[in-house]
Amino acid sequence: MKYRPGRCLLRDLLIECGFTQTMLADKSGYDKSHISKYVQGKQEMTLGTARTFAQILNCTIDDLYEWIPQE
């Protein structure tokens, strides 16, 4: 079965972990404007970006998005 990413859950994870977008930008080295685009659903993360964020937020890559099954 195939899956596609749905809604980005980064905002929820940041709140859960007590992080701000600025804090994530500082820890990850990614620009805050890119993080904002992910949070707003305007851009999807690359696999490398997702891995970096998952490591910082102590979660899995799967936790960063809702996953929609495709038939």
N, C-alpha and C. Protein backbone atom coordinates (compact mmCIF):
# COMPACT_ATOMS: atom_id res chain seq x y z
N MET A 1 0.84 -1.17 0.00
CA MET A 1 0.00 0.00 0.00
C MET A 1 0.89 1.25 0.00
N LYS A 2 0.49 2.23 -0.77
CA LYS A 2 1.21 3.50 -0.84
C LYS A 2 0.62 4.48 0.16
N TYR A 3 1.44 5.42 0.58
CA TYR A 3 0.99 6.50 1.46
C TYR A 3 1.48 7.83 0.92
N ARG A 4 0.73 8.87 1.24
CA ARG A 4 1.20 10.22 0.94
C ARG A 4 1.06 11.05 2.21
N PRO A 5 1.94 12.03 2.39
CA PRO A 5 1.82 12.85 3.59
C PRO A 5 0.58 13.74 3.53
N GLY A 6 -0.10 13.82 4.65
CA GLY A 6 -1.24 14.72 4.79
C GLY A 6 -0.82 15.96 5.54
N ARG A 7 -1.58 16.31 6.56
CA ARG A 7 -1.31 17.51 7.34
C ARG A 7 0.00 17.36 8.12
N CYS A 8 0.80 18.41 8.08
CA CYS A 8 2.04 18.45 8.86
C CYS A 8 1.70 18.63 10.33
N LEU A 9 2.31 17.81 11.18
CA LEU A 9 2.05 17.84 12.61
C LEU A 9 3.16 18.53 13.40
N LEU A 10 4.04 19.24 12.68
CA LEU A 10 5.18 19.87 13.33
C LEU A 10 4.74 20.87 14.40
N ARG A 11 3.73 21.68 14.13
CA ARG A 11 3.26 22.66 15.11
C ARG A 11 2.86 21.95 16.42
N ASP A 12 2.11 20.86 16.29
CA ASP A 12 1.67 20.11 17.47
C ASP A 12 2.86 19.54 18.25
N LEU A 13 3.83 19.02 17.53
CA LEU A 13 5.01 18.45 18.19
C LEU A 13 5.83 19.53 18.88
N LEU A 14 5.95 20.68 18.26
CA LEU A 14 6.69 21.77 18.89
C LEU A 14 6.04 22.16 20.22
N ILE A 15 4.72 22.28 20.22
CA ILE A 15 4.00 22.63 21.45
C ILE A 15 4.20 21.54 22.50
N GLU A 16 4.06 20.30 22.07
CA GLU A 16 4.19 19.16 22.98
C GLU A 16 5.58 19.11 23.62
N CYS A 17 6.60 19.48 22.85
CA CYS A 17 7.98 19.43 23.33
C CYS A 17 8.43 20.74 24.00
N GLY A 18 7.56 21.73 24.00
CA GLY A 18 7.91 23.01 24.61
C GLY A 18 8.90 23.82 23.77
N PHE A 19 8.86 23.62 22.47
CA PHE A 19 9.76 24.32 21.55
C PHE A 19 9.01 25.41 20.81
N THR A 20 9.72 26.42 20.38
CA THR A 20 9.19 27.40 19.44
C THR A 20 9.84 27.13 18.09
N GLN A 21 9.30 27.76 17.05
CA GLN A 21 9.91 27.62 15.73
C GLN A 21 11.33 28.18 15.74
N THR A 22 11.53 29.25 16.48
CA THR A 22 12.87 29.86 16.58
C THR A 22 13.85 28.91 17.26
N MET A 23 13.41 28.24 18.31
CA MET A 23 14.27 27.28 18.99
C MET A 23 14.66 26.13 18.06
N LEU A 24 13.68 25.63 17.29
CA LEU A 24 13.97 24.56 16.34
C LEU A 24 14.94 25.04 15.26
N ALA A 25 14.75 26.26 14.81
CA ALA A 25 15.67 26.83 13.81
C ALA A 25 17.09 26.90 14.37
N ASP A 26 17.23 27.35 15.60
CA ASP A 26 18.54 27.46 16.23
C ASP A 26 19.21 26.10 16.38
N LYS A 27 18.45 25.10 16.81
CA LYS A 27 19.01 23.76 17.04
C LYS A 27 19.30 23.00 15.74
N SER A 28 18.48 23.26 14.71
CA SER A 28 18.60 22.48 13.48
C SER A 28 19.48 23.13 12.42
N GLY A 29 19.62 24.46 12.50
CA GLY A 29 20.37 25.16 11.46
C GLY A 29 19.53 25.52 10.26
N TYR A 30 18.23 25.18 10.31
CA TYR A 30 17.33 25.54 9.22
C TYR A 30 16.78 26.94 9.46
N ASP A 31 16.51 27.65 8.39
CA ASP A 31 15.97 28.99 8.48
C ASP A 31 14.56 28.96 9.05
N LYS A 32 14.25 29.92 9.91
CA LYS A 32 12.92 29.98 10.53
C LYS A 32 11.82 30.09 9.49
N SER A 33 12.09 30.77 8.37
CA SER A 33 11.05 30.91 7.34
C SER A 33 10.70 29.56 6.72
N HIS A 34 11.69 28.65 6.60
CA HIS A 34 11.40 27.31 6.09
C HIS A 34 10.55 26.53 7.09
N ILE A 35 10.88 26.64 8.36
CA ILE A 35 10.11 25.94 9.39
C ILE A 35 8.68 26.45 9.39
N SER A 36 8.50 27.74 9.23
CA SER A 36 7.17 28.33 9.17
C SER A 36 6.37 27.76 7.99
N LYS A 37 7.04 27.58 6.84
CA LYS A 37 6.36 27.01 5.67
C LYS A 37 5.92 25.57 5.92
N TYR A 38 6.72 24.80 6.65
CA TYR A 38 6.34 23.43 6.99
C TYR A 38 5.13 23.44 7.91
N VAL A 39 5.19 24.28 8.94
CA VAL A 39 4.11 24.37 9.92
C VAL A 39 2.80 24.80 9.26
N GLN A 40 2.88 25.71 8.32
CA GLN A 40 1.68 26.22 7.64
C GLN A 40 1.20 25.30 6.52
N GLY A 41 1.96 24.25 6.22
CA GLY A 41 1.56 23.32 5.16
C GLY A 41 1.83 23.85 3.76
N LYS A 42 2.69 24.84 3.65
CA LYS A 42 3.00 25.43 2.34
C LYS A 42 4.14 24.70 1.64
N GLN A 43 4.86 23.88 2.38
CA GLN A 43 5.98 23.15 1.82
C GLN A 43 6.13 21.84 2.58
N GLU A 44 6.48 20.76 1.86
CA GLU A 44 6.74 19.48 2.51
C GLU A 44 8.23 19.36 2.81
N MET A 45 8.54 18.72 3.90
CA MET A 45 9.92 18.51 4.29
C MET A 45 10.58 17.46 3.40
N THR A 46 11.86 17.63 3.18
CA THR A 46 12.63 16.56 2.55
C THR A 46 12.87 15.49 3.62
N LEU A 47 13.30 14.34 3.19
CA LEU A 47 13.57 13.26 4.12
C LEU A 47 14.66 13.66 5.11
N GLY A 48 15.68 14.34 4.63
CA GLY A 48 16.77 14.78 5.51
C GLY A 48 16.30 15.78 6.55
N THR A 49 15.45 16.70 6.14
CA THR A 49 14.91 17.68 7.08
C THR A 49 14.05 16.99 8.13
N ALA A 50 13.19 16.08 7.69
CA ALA A 50 12.33 15.34 8.61
C ALA A 50 13.17 14.56 9.62
N ARG A 51 14.23 13.94 9.16
CA ARG A 51 15.11 13.17 10.05
C ARG A 51 15.75 14.08 11.09
N THR A 52 16.20 15.24 10.65
CA THR A 52 16.83 16.21 11.56
C THR A 52 15.84 16.65 12.63
N PHE A 53 14.64 17.02 12.22
CA PHE A 53 13.62 17.48 13.17
C PHE A 53 13.22 16.35 14.12
N ALA A 54 13.07 15.15 13.59
CA ALA A 54 12.68 14.01 14.42
C ALA A 54 13.73 13.75 15.50
N GLN A 55 14.98 13.87 15.14
CA GLN A 55 16.07 13.67 16.12
C GLN A 55 16.00 14.72 17.22
N ILE A 56 15.80 15.97 16.84
CA ILE A 56 15.75 17.06 17.82
C ILE A 56 14.52 16.94 18.71
N LEU A 57 13.38 16.57 18.13
CA LEU A 57 12.13 16.52 18.88
C LEU A 57 11.88 15.16 19.53
N ASN A 58 12.84 14.25 19.38
CA ASN A 58 12.76 12.92 19.97
C ASN A 58 11.47 12.19 19.56
N CYS A 59 11.25 12.15 18.25
CA CYS A 59 10.09 11.46 17.69
C CYS A 59 10.54 10.71 16.44
N THR A 60 9.61 10.11 15.73
CA THR A 60 9.95 9.44 14.48
C THR A 60 9.52 10.34 13.31
N ILE A 61 10.04 10.04 12.15
CA ILE A 61 9.65 10.77 10.94
C ILE A 61 8.14 10.62 10.72
N ASP A 62 7.61 9.46 11.01
CA ASP A 62 6.17 9.23 10.85
C ASP A 62 5.33 10.17 11.70
N ASP A 63 5.88 10.62 12.83
CA ASP A 63 5.15 11.52 13.72
C ASP A 63 5.00 12.94 13.17
N LEU A 64 5.75 13.26 12.14
CA LEU A 64 5.76 14.63 11.62
C LEU A 64 4.60 14.94 10.67
N TYR A 65 3.93 13.91 10.17
CA TYR A 65 2.81 14.11 9.25
C TYR A 65 1.70 13.13 9.56
N GLU A 66 0.49 13.50 9.19
CA GLU A 66 -0.58 12.51 9.08
C GLU A 66 -0.31 11.77 7.78
N TRP A 67 -0.52 10.47 7.78
CA TRP A 67 -0.23 9.67 6.57
C TRP A 67 -1.53 9.14 6.00
N ILE A 68 -1.73 9.40 4.71
CA ILE A 68 -2.96 9.04 4.02
C ILE A 68 -2.69 7.86 3.10
N PRO A 69 -3.40 6.74 3.32
CA PRO A 69 -3.21 5.58 2.43
C PRO A 69 -3.75 5.85 1.03
N GLN A 70 -3.04 5.38 0.04
CA GLN A 70 -3.44 5.50 -1.36
C GLN A 70 -3.69 4.10 -1.91
N GLU A 71 -4.77 3.94 -2.61
CA GLU A 71 -5.07 2.61 -3.16
C GLU A 71 -4.63 2.50 -4.59
